Amino acid sequence: MWQELAVAFSLVLIIEGIMPFISPERWRVWVYRLADLESRQVRWVGLLSMLSGLALLSWLR
């Protein structure tokens, strides 16, 4: 179980690092726009991201 969690975390880090590596300027603009959102909106984005990940994971398994 811990090994699977470590693999999942490693994949998250790889995926999160793709955009800043490929296009740092575009990524920076996106992060600034995200920082301008209200906390409520950021929570919704987080919730939608988690639900999308959960749906994708269940579909893949």
PDB file of N, CA and C in Angstrom:
ATOM      1  N   MET A   1       0.812  -1.197   0.000  1.00  0.00           N
ATOM      2  CA  MET A   1       0.000   0.000   0.000  1.00  0.00           C
ATOM      3  C   MET A   1       0.859   1.266   0.000  1.00  0.00           C
ATOM      4  N   TRP A   2       1.887   1.302   0.853  1.00  0.00           N
ATOM      5  CA  TRP A   2       2.720   2.507   0.925  1.00  0.00           C
ATOM      6  C   TRP A   2       3.488   2.722  -0.367  1.00  0.00           C
ATOM      7  N   GLN A   3       3.863   1.633  -1.007  1.00  0.00           N
ATOM      8  CA  GLN A   3       4.586   1.766  -2.269  1.00  0.00           C
ATOM      9  C   GLN A   3       3.677   2.351  -3.345  1.00  0.00           C
ATOM     10  N   GLU A   4       2.421   1.930  -3.385  1.00  0.00           N
ATOM     11  CA  GLU A   4       1.472   2.489  -4.353  1.00  0.00           C
ATOM     12  C   GLU A   4       1.231   3.965  -4.094  1.00  0.00           C
ATOM     13  N   LEU A   5       1.147   4.343  -2.820  1.00  0.00           N
ATOM     14  CA  LEU A   5       0.967   5.754  -2.467  1.00  0.00           C
ATOM     15  C   LEU A   5       2.176   6.574  -2.907  1.00  0.00           C
ATOM     16  N   ALA A   6       3.365   6.040  -2.707  1.00  0.00           N
ATOM     17  CA  ALA A   6       4.583   6.732  -3.126  1.00  0.00           C
ATOM     18  C   ALA A   6       4.636   6.878  -4.645  1.00  0.00           C
ATOM     19  N   VAL A   7       4.212   5.842  -5.365  1.00  0.00           N
ATOM     20  CA  VAL A   7       4.178   5.908  -6.825  1.00  0.00           C
ATOM     21  C   VAL A   7       3.170   6.960  -7.280  1.00  0.00           C
ATOM     22  N   ALA A   8       2.002   6.984  -6.662  1.00  0.00           N
ATOM     23  CA  ALA A   8       0.977   7.973  -7.012  1.00  0.00           C
ATOM     24  C   ALA A   8       1.473   9.390  -6.748  1.00  0.00           C
ATOM     25  N   PHE A   9       2.121   9.587  -5.616  1.00  0.00           N
ATOM     26  CA  PHE A   9       2.651  10.909  -5.282  1.00  0.00           C
ATOM     27  C   PHE A   9       3.739  11.322  -6.275  1.00  0.00           C
ATOM     28  N   SER A  10       4.579  10.375  -6.652  1.00  0.00           N
ATOM     29  CA  SER A  10       5.621  10.656  -7.645  1.00  0.00           C
ATOM     30  C   SER A  10       5.013  11.067  -8.980  1.00  0.00           C
ATOM     31  N   LEU A  11       3.951  10.391  -9.391  1.00  0.00           N
ATOM     32  CA  LEU A  11       3.281  10.750 -10.645  1.00  0.00           C
ATOM     33  C   LEU A  11       2.659  12.136 -10.571  1.00  0.00           C
ATOM     34  N   VAL A  12       2.106  12.485  -9.420  1.00  0.00           N
ATOM     35  CA  VAL A  12       1.548  13.831  -9.244  1.00  0.00           C
ATOM     36  C   VAL A  12       2.644  14.874  -9.420  1.00  0.00           C
ATOM     37  N   LEU A  13       3.795  14.649  -8.805  1.00  0.00           N
ATOM     38  CA  LEU A  13       4.901  15.600  -8.939  1.00  0.00           C
ATOM     39  C   LEU A  13       5.366  15.722 -10.390  1.00  0.00           C
ATOM     40  N   ILE A  14       5.417  14.605 -11.102  1.00  0.00           N
ATOM     41  CA  ILE A  14       5.821  14.643 -12.508  1.00  0.00           C
ATOM     42  C   ILE A  14       4.810  15.430 -13.332  1.00  0.00           C
ATOM     43  N   ILE A  15       3.533  15.140 -13.141  1.00  0.00           N
ATOM     44  CA  ILE A  15       2.485  15.816 -13.910  1.00  0.00           C
ATOM     45  C   ILE A  15       2.438  17.304 -13.575  1.00  0.00           C
ATOM     46  N   GLU A  16       2.582  17.635 -12.298  1.00  0.00           N
ATOM     47  CA  GLU A  16       2.563  19.036 -11.891  1.00  0.00           C
ATOM     48  C   GLU A  16       3.759  19.808 -12.444  1.00  0.00           C
ATOM     49  N   GLY A  17       4.861  19.122 -12.693  1.00  0.00           N
ATOM     50  CA  GLY A  17       6.049  19.796 -13.188  1.00  0.00           C
ATOM     51  C   GLY A  17       6.108  19.966 -14.689  1.00  0.00           C
ATOM     52  N   ILE A  18       5.195  19.339 -15.404  1.00  0.00           N
ATOM     53  CA  ILE A  18       5.231  19.409 -16.864  1.00  0.00           C
ATOM     54  C   ILE A  18       5.006  20.833 -17.369  1.00  0.00           C
ATOM     55  N   MET A  19       3.958  21.484 -16.915  1.00  0.00           N
ATOM     56  CA  MET A  19       3.635  22.825 -17.422  1.00  0.00           C
ATOM     57  C   MET A  19       4.723  23.854 -17.128  1.00  0.00           C
ATOM     58  N   PRO A  20       5.227  23.963 -15.893  1.00  0.00           N
ATOM     59  CA  PRO A  20       6.290  24.950 -15.670  1.00  0.00           C
ATOM     60  C   PRO A  20       7.551  24.641 -16.489  1.00  0.00           C
ATOM     61  N   PHE A  21       7.790  23.373 -16.774  1.00  0.00           N
ATOM     62  CA  PHE A  21       8.959  23.018 -17.575  1.00  0.00           C
ATOM     63  C   PHE A  21       8.768  23.391 -19.040  1.00  0.00           C
ATOM     64  N   ILE A  22       7.582  23.089 -19.582  1.00  0.00           N
ATOM     65  CA  ILE A  22       7.329  23.330 -21.005  1.00  0.00           C
ATOM     66  C   ILE A  22       7.129  24.814 -21.302  1.00  0.00           C
ATOM     67  N   SER A  23       6.329  25.479 -20.485  1.00  0.00           N
ATOM     68  CA  SER A  23       5.990  26.876 -20.752  1.00  0.00           C
ATOM     69  C   SER A  23       5.922  27.665 -19.449  1.00  0.00           C
ATOM     70  N   PRO A  24       7.068  28.082 -18.925  1.00  0.00           N
ATOM     71  CA  PRO A  24       7.071  28.759 -17.627  1.00  0.00           C
ATOM     72  C   PRO A  24       6.291  30.081 -17.614  1.00  0.00           C
ATOM     73  N   GLU A  25       6.347  30.817 -18.701  1.00  0.00           N
ATOM     74  CA  GLU A  25       5.628  32.107 -18.728  1.00  0.00           C
ATOM     75  C   GLU A  25       4.119  31.894 -18.694  1.00  0.00           C
ATOM     76  N   ARG A  26       3.629  30.982 -19.480  1.00  0.00           N
ATOM     77  CA  ARG A  26       2.192  30.704 -19.514  1.00  0.00           C
ATOM     78  C   ARG A  26       1.723  30.149 -18.170  1.00  0.00           C
ATOM     79  N   TRP A  27       2.532  29.293 -17.565  1.00  0.00           N
ATOM     80  CA  TRP A  27       2.217  28.732 -16.254  1.00  0.00           C
ATOM     81  C   TRP A  27       2.146  29.833 -15.207  1.00  0.00           C
ATOM     82  N   ARG A  28       3.090  30.766 -15.261  1.00  0.00           N
ATOM     83  CA  ARG A  28       3.113  31.872 -14.299  1.00  0.00           C
ATOM     84  C   ARG A  28       1.844  32.725 -14.419  1.00  0.00           C
ATOM     85  N   VAL A  29       1.415  33.012 -15.642  1.00  0.00           N
ATOM     86  CA  VAL A  29       0.185  33.791 -15.844  1.00  0.00           C
ATOM     87  C   VAL A  29      -1.007  33.034 -15.272  1.00  0.00           C
ATOM     88  N   TRP A  30      -1.069  31.742 -15.499  1.00  0.00           N
ATOM     89  CA  TRP A  30      -2.175  30.923 -14.991  1.00  0.00           C
ATOM     90  C   TRP A  30      -2.200  30.933 -13.470  1.00  0.00           C
ATOM     91  N   VAL A  31      -1.024  30.837 -12.845  1.00  0.00           N
ATOM     92  CA  VAL A  31      -0.952  30.847 -11.376  1.00  0.00           C
ATOM     93  C   VAL A  31      -1.378  32.201 -10.835  1.00  0.00           C
ATOM     94  N   TYR A  32      -0.979  33.289 -11.492  1.00  0.00           N
ATOM     95  CA  TYR A  32      -1.415  34.621 -11.051  1.00  0.00           C
ATOM     96  C   TYR A  32      -2.927  34.763 -11.141  1.00  0.00           C
ATOM     97  N   ARG A  33      -3.511  34.238 -12.210  1.00  0.00           N
ATOM     98  CA  ARG A  33      -4.976  34.298 -12.345  1.00  0.00           C
ATOM     99  C   ARG A  33      -5.655  33.477 -11.257  1.00  0.00           C
ATOM    100  N   LEU A  34      -5.099  32.324 -10.958  1.00  0.00           N
ATOM    101  CA  LEU A  34      -5.647  31.481  -9.903  1.00  0.00           C
ATOM    102  C   LEU A  34      -5.548  32.176  -8.547  1.00  0.00           C
ATOM    103  N   ALA A  35      -4.461  32.900  -8.323  1.00  0.00           N
ATOM    104  CA  ALA A  35      -4.270  33.613  -7.053  1.00  0.00           C
ATOM    105  C   ALA A  35      -5.289  34.740  -6.897  1.00  0.00           C
ATOM    106  N   ASP A  36      -5.805  35.259  -7.998  1.00  0.00           N
ATOM    107  CA  ASP A  36      -6.786  36.344  -7.938  1.00  0.00           C
ATOM    108  C   ASP A  36      -8.201  35.853  -7.640  1.00  0.00           C
ATOM    109  N   LEU A  37      -8.425  34.550  -7.726  1.00  0.00           N
ATOM    110  CA  LEU A  37      -9.755  34.013  -7.447  1.00  0.00           C
ATOM    111  C   LEU A  37     -10.056  34.060  -5.953  1.00  0.00           C
ATOM    112  N   GLU A  38     -11.323  34.083  -5.639  1.00  0.00           N
ATOM    113  CA  GLU A  38     -11.730  34.017  -4.241  1.00  0.00           C
ATOM    114  C   GLU A  38     -11.522  32.607  -3.718  1.00  0.00           C
ATOM    115  N   SER A  39     -11.407  32.468  -2.412  1.00  0.00           N
ATOM    116  CA  SER A  39     -11.178  31.157  -1.791  1.00  0.00           C
ATOM    117  C   SER A  39     -12.275  30.173  -2.168  1.00  0.00           C
ATOM    118  N   ARG A  40     -13.499  30.648  -2.239  1.00  0.00           N
ATOM    119  CA  ARG A  40     -14.620  29.765  -2.590  1.00  0.00           C
ATOM    120  C   ARG A  40     -14.439  29.172  -3.983  1.00  0.00           C
ATOM    121  N   GLN A  41     -13.990  29.999  -4.917  1.00  0.00           N
ATOM    122  CA  GLN A  41     -13.777  29.528  -6.275  1.00  0.00           C
ATOM    123  C   GLN A  41     -12.624  28.526  -6.341  1.00  0.00           C
ATOM    124  N   VAL A  42     -11.574  28.784  -5.568  1.00  0.00           N
ATOM    125  CA  VAL A  42     -10.437  27.860  -5.542  1.00  0.00           C
ATOM    126  C   VAL A  42     -10.878  26.520  -4.963  1.00  0.00           C
ATOM    127  N   ARG A  43     -11.738  26.554  -3.947  1.00  0.00           N
ATOM    128  CA  ARG A  43     -12.245  25.309  -3.378  1.00  0.00           C
ATOM    129  C   ARG A  43     -13.013  24.505  -4.414  1.00  0.00           C
ATOM    130  N   TRP A  44     -13.835  25.170  -5.217  1.00  0.00           N
ATOM    131  CA  TRP A  44     -14.600  24.479  -6.254  1.00  0.00           C
ATOM    132  C   TRP A  44     -13.664  23.853  -7.278  1.00  0.00           C
ATOM    133  N   VAL A  45     -12.609  24.585  -7.644  1.00  0.00           N
ATOM    134  CA  VAL A  45     -11.630  24.037  -8.589  1.00  0.00           C
ATOM    135  C   VAL A  45     -10.981  22.796  -7.987  1.00  0.00           C
ATOM    136  N   GLY A  46     -10.618  22.865  -6.701  1.00  0.00           N
ATOM    137  CA  GLY A  46     -10.033  21.711  -6.025  1.00  0.00           C
ATOM    138  C   GLY A  46     -10.980  20.535  -5.962  1.00  0.00           C
ATOM    139  N   LEU A  47     -12.235  20.812  -5.654  1.00  0.00           N
ATOM    140  CA  LEU A  47     -13.240  19.745  -5.586  1.00  0.00           C
ATOM    141  C   LEU A  47     -13.434  19.089  -6.944  1.00  0.00           C
ATOM    142  N   LEU A  48     -13.559  19.893  -7.977  1.00  0.00           N
ATOM    143  CA  LEU A  48     -13.724  19.342  -9.329  1.00  0.00           C
ATOM    144  C   LEU A  48     -12.497  18.534  -9.746  1.00  0.00           C
ATOM    145  N   SER A  49     -11.325  18.995  -9.370  1.00  0.00           N
ATOM    146  CA  SER A  49     -10.107  18.264  -9.682  1.00  0.00           C
ATOM    147  C   SER A  49     -10.083  16.911  -8.975  1.00  0.00           C
ATOM    148  N   MET A  50     -10.434  16.890  -7.702  1.00  0.00           N
ATOM    149  CA  MET A  50     -10.455  15.628  -6.956  1.00  0.00           C
ATOM    150  C   MET A  50     -11.486  14.668  -7.524  1.00  0.00           C
ATOM    151  N   LEU A  51     -12.683  15.175  -7.842  1.00  0.00           N
ATOM    152  CA  LEU A  51     -13.728  14.309  -8.389  1.00  0.00           C
ATOM    153  C   LEU A  51     -13.342  13.775  -9.764  1.00  0.00           C
ATOM    154  N   SER A  52     -12.693  14.604 -10.571  1.00  0.00           N
ATOM    155  CA  SER A  52     -12.228  14.147 -11.881  1.00  0.00           C
ATOM    156  C   SER A  52     -11.176  13.064 -11.727  1.00  0.00           C
ATOM    157  N   GLY A  53     -10.262  13.251 -10.798  1.00  0.00           N
ATOM    158  CA  GLY A  53      -9.243  12.238 -10.544  1.00  0.00           C
ATOM    159  C   GLY A  53      -9.837  10.942 -10.044  1.00  0.00           C
ATOM    160  N   LEU A  54     -10.823  11.054  -9.164  1.00  0.00           N
ATOM    161  CA  LEU A  54     -11.488   9.866  -8.639  1.00  0.00           C
ATOM    162  C   LEU A  54     -12.232   9.117  -9.752  1.00  0.00           C
ATOM    163  N   ALA A  55     -12.920   9.859 -10.608  1.00  0.00           N
ATOM    164  CA  ALA A  55     -13.636   9.242 -11.713  1.00  0.00           C
ATOM    165  C   ALA A  55     -12.663   8.569 -12.677  1.00  0.00           C
ATOM    166  N   LEU A  56     -11.564   9.217 -12.973  1.00  0.00           N
ATOM    167  CA  LEU A  56     -10.565   8.644 -13.875  1.00  0.00           C
ATOM    168  C   LEU A  56      -9.952   7.387 -13.253  1.00  0.00           C
ATOM    169  N   LEU A  57      -9.644   7.450 -11.979  1.00  0.00           N
ATOM    170  CA  LEU A  57      -9.064   6.297 -11.297  1.00  0.00           C
ATOM    171  C   LEU A  57     -10.017   5.111 -11.292  1.00  0.00           C
ATOM    172  N   SER A  58     -11.290   5.351 -11.020  1.00  0.00           N
ATOM    173  CA  SER A  58     -12.247   4.253 -11.003  1.00  0.00           C
ATOM    174  C   SER A  58     -12.467   3.697 -12.410  1.00  0.00           C
ATOM    175  N   TRP A  59     -12.417   4.546 -13.399  1.00  0.00           N
ATOM    176  CA  TRP A  59     -12.565   4.104 -14.775  1.00  0.00           C
ATOM    177  C   TRP A  59     -11.369   3.251 -15.208  1.00  0.00           C
ATOM    178  N   LEU A  60     -10.159   3.638 -14.774  1.00  0.00           N
ATOM    179  CA  LEU A  60      -8.958   2.897 -15.143  1.00  0.00           C
ATOM    180  C   LEU A  60      -8.861   1.556 -14.437  1.00  0.00           C
ATOM    181  N   ARG A  61      -9.428   1.469 -13.243  1.00  0.00           N
ATOM    182  CA  ARG A  61      -9.339   0.207 -12.488  1.00  0.00           C
ATOM    183  C   ARG A  61     -10.564  -0.592 -12.796  1.00  0.00           C
TER     184      ARG A  61
END
